[in-house]
Amino acid sequence: MSEHQKLVEVTRNEIVESEHFGSVVLNTRGFGQADALMYPRSTLKLFQAASVLSLGVELTSEEIAIAAASHSAESIHLEVVQGLLKKFKLSVDNLRCTPRLPLGTEARHDAIRNGIAENTLMSDCSGKHASFLAACVVNQWPLENYLEFDHPLQIAITKNIESWLGITITRRGVDGCGAPVVAMSLFDLATGFLNAVREPGHLGTVASAMSKHPELVGGKKRLATEVMTGVPGAIAKDGAEGVFVVAHRDLGVLAIKVSDGSTRPHASIVKHVLTNWAVSAEIPISQPLGGGQEVGQIRLTKDLIDFLG
């Protein structure tokens, strides 16, 4: 099995200060450890939201987008989650996601200033959990243990992923929010996202909702939202521990896994690929600063540039 490869170097005044290693898939080609099992973390929400739809849950496009989101807990996000809970006669008390402060910087600062403690509604995964509960209501399944591996909901999600990706799930774990997460390769993840933007069905329905409502999938100054806003028809999703995917029906798919869990390489890699795809989306990159001035670069390695073309 291949090893992770160096993806980017971070310089400060012409000295390499940091390095990030990882793996990348571009369409059908892999760089690094693209065939190794890993947890896709919140990029799995595409498949989890599609599974909720497959279980007979009728959702608006906004509700589908929030089900697939790692939202910033801005007011627009919380309103959709609360509306989804109310629609199925549920409450915030039914949520079993880990209580958190908002993922979004502005929303988190607002919560702290206002003395608001961590809670489940502000969790970036509350939309996913609300959709899980909706599926339980529609199918008359118990609500209390909806995160257990052997709950009918989680069994259905695993079976759907196996069917949609043509794989056998051999490892499962627990995500940061408490929900099950299944292991797959970066190749498998890229294939699933490309299928979502190219094929009809529940995956395609989720992809359409994400593309239509990029502001719900992430939030202000979030890379996934910026990519989808700048590239009509694209879907993009971030996941913990350095995972990021962007896919477009006509352009292809890019999947990234940074081995140290950092998100710092994502924007530079995405911007390079979008440029190669002749897309001029505005993707801000925060370069190293000194005294408020730019004093370095986040630069792709020659090997990665050669791979990306």
C-alpha atoms as a PDB file:
ATOM      1  CA  MET A   1       0.000   0.000   0.000  1.00  0.00           C
ATOM      2  CA  SER A   2       1.296   3.472  -0.870  1.00  0.00           C
ATOM      3  CA  GLU A   3       2.154   6.022   1.793  1.00  0.00           C
ATOM      4  CA  HIS A   4       0.823   9.526   2.264  1.00  0.00           C
ATOM      5  CA  GLN A   5       2.805  12.027   0.196  1.00  0.00           C
ATOM      6  CA  LYS A   6       3.860  15.592   0.900  1.00  0.00           C
ATOM      7  CA  LEU A   7       1.077  17.884  -0.334  1.00  0.00           C
ATOM      8  CA  VAL A   8       2.134  21.398   0.627  1.00  0.00           C
ATOM      9  CA  GLU A   9       4.964  23.335   2.186  1.00  0.00           C
ATOM     10  CA  VAL A  10       4.349  26.396   4.338  1.00  0.00           C
ATOM     11  CA  THR A  11       7.122  28.981   4.109  1.00  0.00           C
ATOM     12  CA  ARG A  12       8.001  31.978   6.244  1.00  0.00           C
ATOM     13  CA  ASN A  13      10.553  34.413   4.861  1.00  0.00           C
ATOM     14  CA  GLU A  14      11.768  31.805   2.369  1.00  0.00           C
ATOM     15  CA  ILE A  15      12.269  29.049   4.943  1.00  0.00           C
ATOM     16  CA  VAL A  16      10.016  25.983   4.948  1.00  0.00           C
ATOM     17  CA  GLU A  17       8.375  26.162   8.364  1.00  0.00           C
ATOM     18  CA  SER A  18       5.743  23.404   8.090  1.00  0.00           C
ATOM     19  CA  GLU A  19       4.819  20.504   5.831  1.00  0.00           C
ATOM     20  CA  HIS A  20       1.538  18.687   5.355  1.00  0.00           C
ATOM     21  CA  PHE A  21       1.279  15.148   4.029  1.00  0.00           C
ATOM     22  CA  GLY A  22      -1.774  13.301   2.771  1.00  0.00           C
ATOM     23  CA  SER A  23      -3.507  11.765  -0.201  1.00  0.00           C
ATOM     24  CA  VAL A  24      -5.541  13.042  -3.136  1.00  0.00           C
ATOM     25  CA  VAL A  25      -7.912  11.554  -5.687  1.00  0.00           C
ATOM     26  CA  LEU A  26      -8.552  13.398  -8.937  1.00  0.00           C
ATOM     27  CA  ASN A  27     -11.211  11.613 -10.946  1.00  0.00           C
ATOM     28  CA  THR A  28      -9.867   8.044 -11.307  1.00  0.00           C
ATOM     29  CA  ARG A  29      -6.231   8.717 -10.309  1.00  0.00           C
ATOM     30  CA  GLY A  30      -4.775   8.561  -6.835  1.00  0.00           C
ATOM     31  CA  PHE A  31      -1.818  10.283  -5.169  1.00  0.00           C
ATOM     32  CA  GLY A  32      -0.529   8.838  -1.926  1.00  0.00           C
ATOM     33  CA  GLN A  33      -2.581   6.444   0.182  1.00  0.00           C
ATOM     34  CA  ALA A  34      -5.839   6.819  -1.745  1.00  0.00           C
ATOM     35  CA  ASP A  35      -6.766   3.146  -1.462  1.00  0.00           C
ATOM     36  CA  ALA A  36      -6.396   2.876   2.325  1.00  0.00           C
ATOM     37  CA  LEU A  37      -9.363   2.720   4.676  1.00  0.00           C
ATOM     38  CA  MET A  38     -10.165   6.006   6.406  1.00  0.00           C
ATOM     39  CA  TYR A  39     -13.153   7.626   8.031  1.00  0.00           C
ATOM     40  CA  PRO A  40     -14.741  10.210   5.703  1.00  0.00           C
ATOM     41  CA  ARG A  41     -16.204  11.955   8.734  1.00  0.00           C
ATOM     42  CA  SER A  42     -18.776  14.617   7.818  1.00  0.00           C
ATOM     43  CA  THR A  43     -18.412  14.098   4.081  1.00  0.00           C
ATOM     44  CA  LEU A  44     -20.465  10.969   4.839  1.00  0.00           C
ATOM     45  CA  LYS A  45     -23.488  13.235   5.363  1.00  0.00           C
ATOM     46  CA  LEU A  46     -24.196  13.168   1.637  1.00  0.00           C
ATOM     47  CA  PHE A  47     -24.959   9.450   1.893  1.00  0.00           C
ATOM     48  CA  GLN A  48     -26.678   9.698   5.275  1.00  0.00           C
ATOM     49  CA  ALA A  49     -29.059  12.391   4.017  1.00  0.00           C
ATOM     50  CA  ALA A  50     -29.791  10.362   0.889  1.00  0.00           C
ATOM     51  CA  SER A  51     -30.556   7.364   3.093  1.00  0.00           C
ATOM     52  CA  VAL A  52     -33.068   9.424   5.079  1.00  0.00           C
ATOM     53  CA  LEU A  53     -34.853  10.239   1.816  1.00  0.00           C
ATOM     54  CA  SER A  54     -34.791   6.569   0.807  1.00  0.00           C
ATOM     55  CA  LEU A  55     -36.660   5.771   4.026  1.00  0.00           C
ATOM     56  CA  GLY A  56     -39.708   7.763   2.953  1.00  0.00           C
ATOM     57  CA  VAL A  57     -38.939  11.097   4.625  1.00  0.00           C
ATOM     58  CA  GLU A  58     -40.226  14.062   2.631  1.00  0.00           C
ATOM     59  CA  LEU A  59     -38.027  17.133   3.056  1.00  0.00           C
ATOM     60  CA  THR A  60     -37.759  20.531   1.390  1.00  0.00           C
ATOM     61  CA  SER A  61     -34.523  21.357  -0.455  1.00  0.00           C
ATOM     62  CA  GLU A  62     -33.481  23.554   2.482  1.00  0.00           C
ATOM     63  CA  GLU A  63     -34.080  20.709   4.928  1.00  0.00           C
ATOM     64  CA  ILE A  64     -32.116  18.298   2.728  1.00  0.00           C
ATOM     65  CA  ALA A  65     -29.217  20.760   2.585  1.00  0.00           C
ATOM     66  CA  ILE A  66     -29.156  21.150   6.368  1.00  0.00           C
ATOM     67  CA  ALA A  67     -29.291  17.345   6.774  1.00  0.00           C
ATOM     68  CA  ALA A  68     -26.097  17.137   4.693  1.00  0.00           C
ATOM     69  CA  ALA A  69     -24.489  20.129   6.388  1.00  0.00           C
ATOM     70  CA  SER A  70     -21.742  20.811   8.860  1.00  0.00           C
ATOM     71  CA  HIS A  71     -23.304  24.160   9.524  1.00  0.00           C
ATOM     72  CA  SER A  72     -21.831  27.158  11.321  1.00  0.00           C
ATOM     73  CA  ALA A  73     -24.834  27.609  13.665  1.00  0.00           C
ATOM     74  CA  GLU A  74     -25.729  30.951  12.132  1.00  0.00           C
ATOM     75  CA  SER A  75     -29.347  32.045  12.498  1.00  0.00           C
ATOM     76  CA  ILE A  76     -30.312  30.686   9.061  1.00  0.00           C
ATOM     77  CA  HIS A  77     -29.021  27.253  10.046  1.00  0.00           C
ATOM     78  CA  LEU A  78     -30.711  27.114  13.426  1.00  0.00           C
ATOM     79  CA  GLU A  79     -34.030  28.216  11.953  1.00  0.00           C
ATOM     80  CA  VAL A  80     -34.039  25.379   9.403  1.00  0.00           C
ATOM     81  CA  VAL A  81     -33.073  22.772  12.014  1.00  0.00           C
ATOM     82  CA  GLN A  82     -35.778  23.985  14.391  1.00  0.00           C
ATOM     83  CA  GLY A  83     -38.328  23.961  11.578  1.00  0.00           C
ATOM     84  CA  LEU A  84     -37.359  20.400  10.665  1.00  0.00           C
ATOM     85  CA  LEU A  85     -37.794  19.242  14.252  1.00  0.00           C
ATOM     86  CA  LYS A  86     -41.162  20.976  14.562  1.00  0.00           C
ATOM     87  CA  LYS A  87     -42.363  19.479  11.262  1.00  0.00           C
ATOM     88  CA  PHE A  88     -42.027  15.971  12.717  1.00  0.00           C
ATOM     89  CA  LYS A  89     -43.253  16.933  16.198  1.00  0.00           C
ATOM     90  CA  LEU A  90     -39.782  16.647  17.675  1.00  0.00           C
ATOM     91  CA  SER A  91     -37.840  18.928  19.993  1.00  0.00           C
ATOM     92  CA  VAL A  92     -34.235  19.859  20.621  1.00  0.00           C
ATOM     93  CA  ASP A  93     -34.349  17.492  23.617  1.00  0.00           C
ATOM     94  CA  ASN A  94     -34.578  14.568  21.178  1.00  0.00           C
ATOM     95  CA  LEU A  95     -31.209  15.400  19.634  1.00  0.00           C
ATOM     96  CA  ARG A  96     -28.361  13.120  20.769  1.00  0.00           C
ATOM     97  CA  CYS A  97     -25.519  14.974  19.020  1.00  0.00           C
ATOM     98  CA  THR A  98     -22.651  16.272  21.141  1.00  0.00           C
ATOM     99  CA  PRO A  99     -23.407  19.738  22.600  1.00  0.00           C
ATOM    100  CA  ARG A 100     -21.151  22.363  21.047  1.00  0.00           C
ATOM    101  CA  LEU A 101     -20.571  26.041  20.540  1.00  0.00           C
ATOM    102  CA  PRO A 102     -21.062  27.184  16.934  1.00  0.00           C
ATOM    103  CA  LEU A 103     -18.524  26.038  14.358  1.00  0.00           C
ATOM    104  CA  GLY A 104     -18.705  29.416  12.641  1.00  0.00           C
ATOM    105  CA  THR A 105     -16.349  32.045  14.049  1.00  0.00           C
ATOM    106  CA  GLU A 106     -18.856  34.915  14.133  1.00  0.00           C
ATOM    107  CA  ALA A 107     -21.646  32.761  15.541  1.00  0.00           C
ATOM    108  CA  ARG A 108     -19.325  31.320  18.202  1.00  0.00           C
ATOM    109  CA  HIS A 109     -18.189  34.778  19.313  1.00  0.00           C
ATOM    110  CA  ASP A 110     -21.823  35.909  19.469  1.00  0.00           C
ATOM    111  CA  ALA A 111     -22.763  32.904  21.601  1.00  0.00           C
ATOM    112  CA  ILE A 112     -19.896  33.548  24.019  1.00  0.00           C
ATOM    113  CA  ARG A 113     -20.727  37.258  24.293  1.00  0.00           C
ATOM    114  CA  ASN A 114     -24.349  36.396  25.023  1.00  0.00           C
ATOM    115  CA  GLY A 115     -23.445  33.784  27.637  1.00  0.00           C
ATOM    116  CA  ILE A 116     -24.931  30.888  25.650  1.00  0.00           C
ATOM    117  CA  ALA A 117     -23.546  27.526  26.689  1.00  0.00           C
ATOM    118  CA  GLU A 118     -22.763  24.598  24.429  1.00  0.00           C
ATOM    119  CA  ASN A 119     -25.931  22.874  23.274  1.00  0.00           C
ATOM    120  CA  THR A 120     -27.077  20.275  20.768  1.00  0.00           C
ATOM    121  CA  LEU A 121     -28.910  22.714  18.485  1.00  0.00           C
ATOM    122  CA  MET A 122     -25.683  24.633  17.825  1.00  0.00           C
ATOM    123  CA  SER A 123     -23.806  21.443  16.955  1.00  0.00           C
ATOM    124  CA  ASP A 124     -22.697  21.511  13.328  1.00  0.00           C
ATOM    125  CA  CYS A 125     -24.345  18.088  13.004  1.00  0.00           C
ATOM    126  CA  SER A 126     -27.768  19.015  14.409  1.00  0.00           C
ATOM    127  CA  GLY A 127     -29.336  19.024  10.926  1.00  0.00           C
ATOM    128  CA  LYS A 128     -28.163  15.484  10.290  1.00  0.00           C
ATOM    129  CA  HIS A 129     -29.461  14.325  13.649  1.00  0.00           C
ATOM    130  CA  ALA A 130     -32.806  16.049  13.107  1.00  0.00           C
ATOM    131  CA  SER A 131     -33.163  14.200   9.800  1.00  0.00           C
ATOM    132  CA  PHE A 132     -32.254  10.916  11.521  1.00  0.00           C
ATOM    133  CA  LEU A 133     -35.032  11.499  14.029  1.00  0.00           C
ATOM    134  CA  ALA A 134     -37.477  12.351  11.227  1.00  0.00           C
ATOM    135  CA  ALA A 135     -36.720   8.981   9.614  1.00  0.00           C
ATOM    136  CA  CYS A 136     -37.433   7.281  12.940  1.00  0.00           C
ATOM    137  CA  VAL A 137     -40.783   9.079  13.248  1.00  0.00           C
ATOM    138  CA  VAL A 138     -41.836   8.177   9.692  1.00  0.00           C
ATOM    139  CA  ASN A 139     -40.870   4.516  10.153  1.00  0.00           C
ATOM    140  CA  GLN A 140     -42.085   4.251  13.772  1.00  0.00           C
ATOM    141  CA  TRP A 141     -38.647   3.351  15.066  1.00  0.00           C
ATOM    142  CA  PRO A 142     -37.478   4.168  18.612  1.00  0.00           C
ATOM    143  CA  LEU A 143     -35.982   7.626  19.056  1.00  0.00           C
ATOM    144  CA  GLU A 144     -33.848   7.104  22.142  1.00  0.00           C
ATOM    145  CA  ASN A 145     -31.236   4.790  20.604  1.00  0.00           C
ATOM    146  CA  TYR A 146     -31.157   6.061  17.018  1.00  0.00           C
ATOM    147  CA  LEU A 147     -27.335   6.278  17.114  1.00  0.00           C
ATOM    148  CA  GLU A 148     -26.738   2.622  17.977  1.00  0.00           C
ATOM    149  CA  PHE A 149     -25.072   0.465  15.324  1.00  0.00           C
ATOM    150  CA  ASP A 150     -27.923  -2.053  15.408  1.00  0.00           C
ATOM    151  CA  HIS A 151     -30.738   0.512  15.144  1.00  0.00           C
ATOM    152  CA  PRO A 152     -32.806  -0.017  11.947  1.00  0.00           C
ATOM    153  CA  LEU A 153     -31.850   3.478  10.763  1.00  0.00           C
ATOM    154  CA  GLN A 154     -28.116   2.858  10.995  1.00  0.00           C
ATOM    155  CA  ILE A 155     -28.449  -0.591   9.430  1.00  0.00           C
ATOM    156  CA  ALA A 156     -30.296   0.978   6.488  1.00  0.00           C
ATOM    157  CA  ILE A 157     -27.650   3.692   6.065  1.00  0.00           C
ATOM    158  CA  THR A 158     -24.836   1.136   5.965  1.00  0.00           C
ATOM    159  CA  LYS A 159     -26.674  -1.020   3.427  1.00  0.00           C
ATOM    160  CA  ASN A 160     -27.359   1.992   1.229  1.00  0.00           C
ATOM    161  CA  ILE A 161     -23.720   3.068   1.242  1.00  0.00           C
ATOM    162  CA  GLU A 162     -22.632  -0.431   0.286  1.00  0.00           C
ATOM    163  CA  SER A 163     -25.145  -0.476  -2.562  1.00  0.00           C
ATOM    164  CA  TRP A 164     -24.427   3.022  -3.875  1.00  0.00           C
ATOM    165  CA  LEU A 165     -20.634   2.657  -3.763  1.00  0.00           C
ATOM    166  CA  GLY A 166     -20.398  -1.027  -4.613  1.00  0.00           C
ATOM    167  CA  ILE A 167     -18.328  -1.785  -1.515  1.00  0.00           C
ATOM    168  CA  THR A 168     -18.538  -3.926   1.607  1.00  0.00           C
ATOM    169  CA  ILE A 169     -18.278  -2.024   4.888  1.00  0.00           C
ATOM    170  CA  THR A 170     -15.810  -3.844   7.146  1.00  0.00           C
ATOM    171  CA  ARG A 171     -15.111  -1.162   9.754  1.00  0.00           C
ATOM    172  CA  ARG A 172     -17.364   1.223  11.630  1.00  0.00           C
ATOM    173  CA  GLY A 173     -16.577   3.793  14.272  1.00  0.00           C
ATOM    174  CA  VAL A 174     -18.186   6.645  16.170  1.00  0.00           C
ATOM    175  CA  ASP A 175     -18.039  10.149  14.701  1.00  0.00           C
ATOM    176  CA  GLY A 176     -17.427  13.263  16.800  1.00  0.00           C
ATOM    177  CA  CYS A 177     -21.170  13.937  17.050  1.00  0.00           C
ATOM    178  CA  GLY A 178     -21.834  10.422  18.360  1.00  0.00           C
ATOM    179  CA  ALA A 179     -23.284   8.992  15.145  1.00  0.00           C
ATOM    180  CA  PRO A 180     -21.825   5.907  13.455  1.00  0.00           C
ATOM    181  CA  VAL A 181     -19.243   6.535  10.740  1.00  0.00           C
ATOM    182  CA  VAL A 182     -18.146   3.881   8.260  1.00  0.00           C
ATOM    183  CA  ALA A 183     -14.654   3.405   6.842  1.00  0.00           C
ATOM    184  CA  MET A 184     -13.923   3.555   3.120  1.00  0.00           C
ATOM    185  CA  SER A 185     -11.087   4.574   0.857  1.00  0.00           C
ATOM    186  CA  LEU A 186     -10.581   8.025  -0.616  1.00  0.00           C
ATOM    187  CA  PHE A 187     -11.289   6.422  -4.007  1.00  0.00           C
ATOM    188  CA  ASP A 188     -14.645   5.150  -2.696  1.00  0.00           C
ATOM    189  CA  LEU A 189     -15.530   8.577  -1.323  1.00  0.00           C
ATOM    190  CA  ALA A 190     -14.674  10.288  -4.614  1.00  0.00           C
ATOM    191  CA  THR A 191     -16.741   7.739  -6.546  1.00  0.00           C
ATOM    192  CA  GLY A 192     -19.757   8.359  -4.330  1.00  0.00           C
ATOM    193  CA  PHE A 193     -19.613  12.121  -4.799  1.00  0.00           C
ATOM    194  CA  LEU A 194     -19.201  11.810  -8.548  1.00  0.00           C
ATOM    195  CA  ASN A 195     -22.167   9.435  -8.704  1.00  0.00           C
ATOM    196  CA  ALA A 196     -24.220  11.969  -6.752  1.00  0.00           C
ATOM    197  CA  VAL A 197     -23.692  14.754  -9.295  1.00  0.00           C
ATOM    198  CA  ARG A 198     -24.086  12.513 -12.340  1.00  0.00           C
ATOM    199  CA  GLU A 199     -26.938  10.158 -11.532  1.00  0.00           C
ATOM    200  CA  PRO A 200     -30.608  10.594 -10.583  1.00  0.00           C
ATOM    201  CA  GLY A 201     -32.041   9.154  -7.389  1.00  0.00           C
ATOM    202  CA  HIS A 202     -31.665  10.058  -3.743  1.00  0.00           C
ATOM    203  CA  LEU A 203     -27.955  10.887  -3.992  1.00  0.00           C
ATOM    204  CA  GLY A 204     -28.700  13.231  -6.867  1.00  0.00           C
ATOM    205  CA  THR A 205     -31.497  14.883  -4.914  1.00  0.00           C
ATOM    206  CA  VAL A 206     -29.137  15.637  -2.032  1.00  0.00           C
ATOM    207  CA  ALA A 207     -26.458  16.922  -4.408  1.00  0.00           C
ATOM    208  CA  SER A 208     -28.977  19.277  -6.027  1.00  0.00           C
ATOM    209  CA  ALA A 209     -30.072  20.632  -2.637  1.00  0.00           C
ATOM    210  CA  MET A 210     -26.469  21.208  -1.554  1.00  0.00           C
ATOM    211  CA  SER A 211     -25.667  23.049  -4.771  1.00  0.00           C
ATOM    212  CA  LYS A 212     -28.839  25.129  -4.495  1.00  0.00           C
ATOM    213  CA  HIS A 213     -28.218  26.120  -0.856  1.00  0.00           C
ATOM    214  CA  PRO A 214     -24.444  26.398  -0.325  1.00  0.00           C
ATOM    215  CA  GLU A 215     -24.965  28.834   2.537  1.00  0.00           C
ATOM    216  CA  LEU A 216     -26.763  26.117   4.511  1.00  0.00           C
ATOM    217  CA  VAL A 217     -24.153  23.401   3.931  1.00  0.00           C
ATOM    218  CA  GLY A 218     -21.378  25.423   5.582  1.00  0.00           C
ATOM    219  CA  GLY A 219     -21.589  29.096   6.358  1.00  0.00           C
ATOM    220  CA  LYS A 220     -19.816  32.435   6.085  1.00  0.00           C
ATOM    221  CA  LYS A 221     -16.158  32.174   5.002  1.00  0.00           C
ATOM    222  CA  ARG A 222     -16.348  28.364   4.867  1.00  0.00           C
ATOM    223  CA  LEU A 223     -14.503  26.741   1.951  1.00  0.00           C
ATOM    224  CA  ALA A 224     -17.321  24.365   0.972  1.00  0.00           C
ATOM    225  CA  THR A 225     -19.785  27.246   0.753  1.00  0.00           C
ATOM    226  CA  GLU A 226     -17.328  29.412  -1.192  1.00  0.00           C
ATOM    227  CA  VAL A 227     -16.652  26.640  -3.714  1.00  0.00           C
ATOM    228  CA  MET A 228     -20.330  25.915  -4.341  1.00  0.00           C
ATOM    229  CA  THR A 229     -21.129  29.616  -4.571  1.00  0.00           C
ATOM    230  CA  GLY A 230     -18.345  30.186  -7.080  1.00  0.00           C
ATOM    231  CA  VAL A 231     -18.860  27.027  -9.135  1.00  0.00           C
ATOM    232  CA  PRO A 232     -22.519  26.585 -10.135  1.00  0.00           C
ATOM    233  CA  GLY A 233     -23.527  22.951 -10.188  1.00  0.00           C
ATOM    234  CA  ALA A 234     -20.707  21.819  -7.906  1.00  0.00           C
ATOM    235  CA  ILE A 235     -21.062  20.171  -4.524  1.00  0.00           C
ATOM    236  CA  ALA A 236     -18.387  20.502  -1.867  1.00  0.00           C
ATOM    237  CA  LYS A 237     -18.131  19.138   1.655  1.00  0.00           C
ATOM    238  CA  ASP A 238     -15.614  19.224   4.456  1.00  0.00           C
ATOM    239  CA  GLY A 239     -15.022  16.574   7.067  1.00  0.00           C
ATOM    240  CA  ALA A 240     -12.988  16.448  10.257  1.00  0.00           C
ATOM    241  CA  GLU A 241      -9.370  15.276  10.241  1.00  0.00           C
ATOM    242  CA  GLY A 242      -8.462  16.890   6.947  1.00  0.00           C
ATOM    243  CA  VAL A 243     -11.097  15.524   4.561  1.00  0.00           C
ATOM    244  CA  PHE A 244     -12.514  17.628   1.721  1.00  0.00           C
ATOM    245  CA  VAL A 245     -14.381  16.727  -1.498  1.00  0.00           C
ATOM    246  CA  VAL A 246     -15.605  18.764  -4.465  1.00  0.00           C
ATOM    247  CA  ALA A 247     -17.463  17.270  -7.428  1.00  0.00           C
ATOM    248  CA  HIS A 248     -19.061  18.595 -10.606  1.00  0.00           C
ATOM    249  CA  ARG A 249     -21.015  16.695 -13.223  1.00  0.00           C
ATOM    250  CA  ASP A 250     -18.902  17.889 -16.140  1.00  0.00           C
ATOM    251  CA  LEU A 251     -15.591  18.764 -14.491  1.00  0.00           C
ATOM    252  CA  GLY A 252     -14.968  15.731 -12.287  1.00  0.00           C
ATOM    253  CA  VAL A 253     -14.129  15.104  -8.654  1.00  0.00           C
ATOM    254  CA  LEU A 254     -11.355  16.017  -6.231  1.00  0.00           C
ATOM    255  CA  ALA A 255     -11.027  14.311  -2.830  1.00  0.00           C
ATOM    256  CA  ILE A 256      -8.397  15.218  -0.236  1.00  0.00           C
ATOM    257  CA  LYS A 257      -7.261  13.602   3.017  1.00  0.00           C
ATOM    258  CA  VAL A 258      -4.590  15.435   5.025  1.00  0.00           C
ATOM    259  CA  SER A 259      -2.817  12.956   7.271  1.00  0.00           C
ATOM    260  CA  ASP A 260      -2.298  15.315  10.230  1.00  0.00           C
ATOM    261  CA  GLY A 261      -5.957  16.367  10.160  1.00  0.00           C
ATOM    262  CA  SER A 262      -5.228  19.951   9.095  1.00  0.00           C
ATOM    263  CA  THR A 263      -7.517  21.902   6.776  1.00  0.00           C
ATOM    264  CA  ARG A 264      -4.754  24.322   5.762  1.00  0.00           C
ATOM    265  CA  PRO A 265      -3.842  22.616   2.443  1.00  0.00           C
ATOM    266  CA  HIS A 266      -7.432  22.407   1.180  1.00  0.00           C
ATOM    267  CA  ALA A 267      -7.949  25.848  -0.327  1.00  0.00           C
ATOM    268  CA  SER A 268      -4.633  25.865  -2.197  1.00  0.00           C
ATOM    269  CA  ILE A 269      -5.254  22.427  -3.700  1.00  0.00           C
ATOM    270  CA  VAL A 270      -8.853  23.227  -4.599  1.00  0.00           C
ATOM    271  CA  LYS A 271      -7.871  26.531  -6.214  1.00  0.00           C
ATOM    272  CA  HIS A 272      -5.186  24.824  -8.324  1.00  0.00           C
ATOM    273  CA  VAL A 273      -7.634  22.195  -9.568  1.00  0.00           C
ATOM    274  CA  LEU A 274     -10.371  24.741 -10.308  1.00  0.00           C
ATOM    275  CA  THR A 275      -7.854  26.747 -12.333  1.00  0.00           C
ATOM    276  CA  ASN A 276      -7.007  23.603 -14.309  1.00  0.00           C
ATOM    277  CA  TRP A 277     -10.741  23.121 -14.842  1.00  0.00           C
ATOM    278  CA  ALA A 278     -10.853  26.684 -16.233  1.00  0.00           C
ATOM    279  CA  VAL A 279     -13.028  27.854 -13.343  1.00  0.00           C
ATOM    280  CA  SER A 280     -12.267  31.323 -11.990  1.00  0.00           C
ATOM    281  CA  ALA A 281     -14.001  31.001  -8.612  1.00  0.00           C
ATOM    282  CA  GLU A 282     -12.787  33.299  -5.843  1.00  0.00           C
ATOM    283  CA  ILE A 283     -11.117  30.996  -3.312  1.00  0.00           C
ATOM    284  CA  PRO A 284      -9.389  33.044  -0.584  1.00  0.00           C
ATOM    285  CA  ILE A 285      -6.174  31.541   0.785  1.00  0.00           C
ATOM    286  CA  SER A 286      -4.795  32.747   4.117  1.00  0.00           C
ATOM    287  CA  GLN A 287      -1.047  33.015   3.619  1.00  0.00           C
ATOM    288  CA  PRO A 288       1.438  33.178   6.540  1.00  0.00           C
ATOM    289  CA  LEU A 289       1.500  36.629   8.107  1.00  0.00           C
ATOM    290  CA  GLY A 290       4.026  38.608  10.082  1.00  0.00           C
ATOM    291  CA  GLY A 291       2.938  41.853  11.678  1.00  0.00           C
ATOM    292  CA  GLY A 292      -0.188  41.725   9.557  1.00  0.00           C
ATOM    293  CA  GLN A 293       1.810  41.446   6.328  1.00  0.00           C
ATOM    294  CA  GLU A 294       2.153  38.403   4.074  1.00  0.00           C
ATOM    295  CA  VAL A 295       5.598  36.899   4.681  1.00  0.00           C
ATOM    296  CA  GLY A 296       5.273  33.408   3.257  1.00  0.00           C
ATOM    297  CA  GLN A 297       3.316  30.982   1.117  1.00  0.00           C
ATOM    298  CA  ILE A 298       1.284  27.821   1.286  1.00  0.00           C
ATOM    299  CA  ARG A 299       2.649  26.155  -1.828  1.00  0.00           C
ATOM    300  CA  LEU A 300       1.886  22.839  -3.458  1.00  0.00           C
ATOM    301  CA  THR A 301       4.792  20.435  -3.862  1.00  0.00           C
ATOM    302  CA  LYS A 302       6.151  19.750  -7.325  1.00  0.00           C
ATOM    303  CA  ASP A 303       5.047  16.096  -7.084  1.00  0.00           C
ATOM    304  CA  LEU A 304       1.477  17.125  -6.318  1.00  0.00           C
ATOM    305  CA  ILE A 305       1.444  19.741  -9.102  1.00  0.00           C
ATOM    306  CA  ASP A 306       2.721  17.106 -11.523  1.00  0.00           C
ATOM    307  CA  PHE A 307      -0.034  14.740 -10.405  1.00  0.00           C
ATOM    308  CA  LEU A 308      -2.777  17.348 -10.672  1.00  0.00           C
ATOM    309  CA  GLY A 309      -1.515  18.529 -14.058  1.00  0.00           C
END
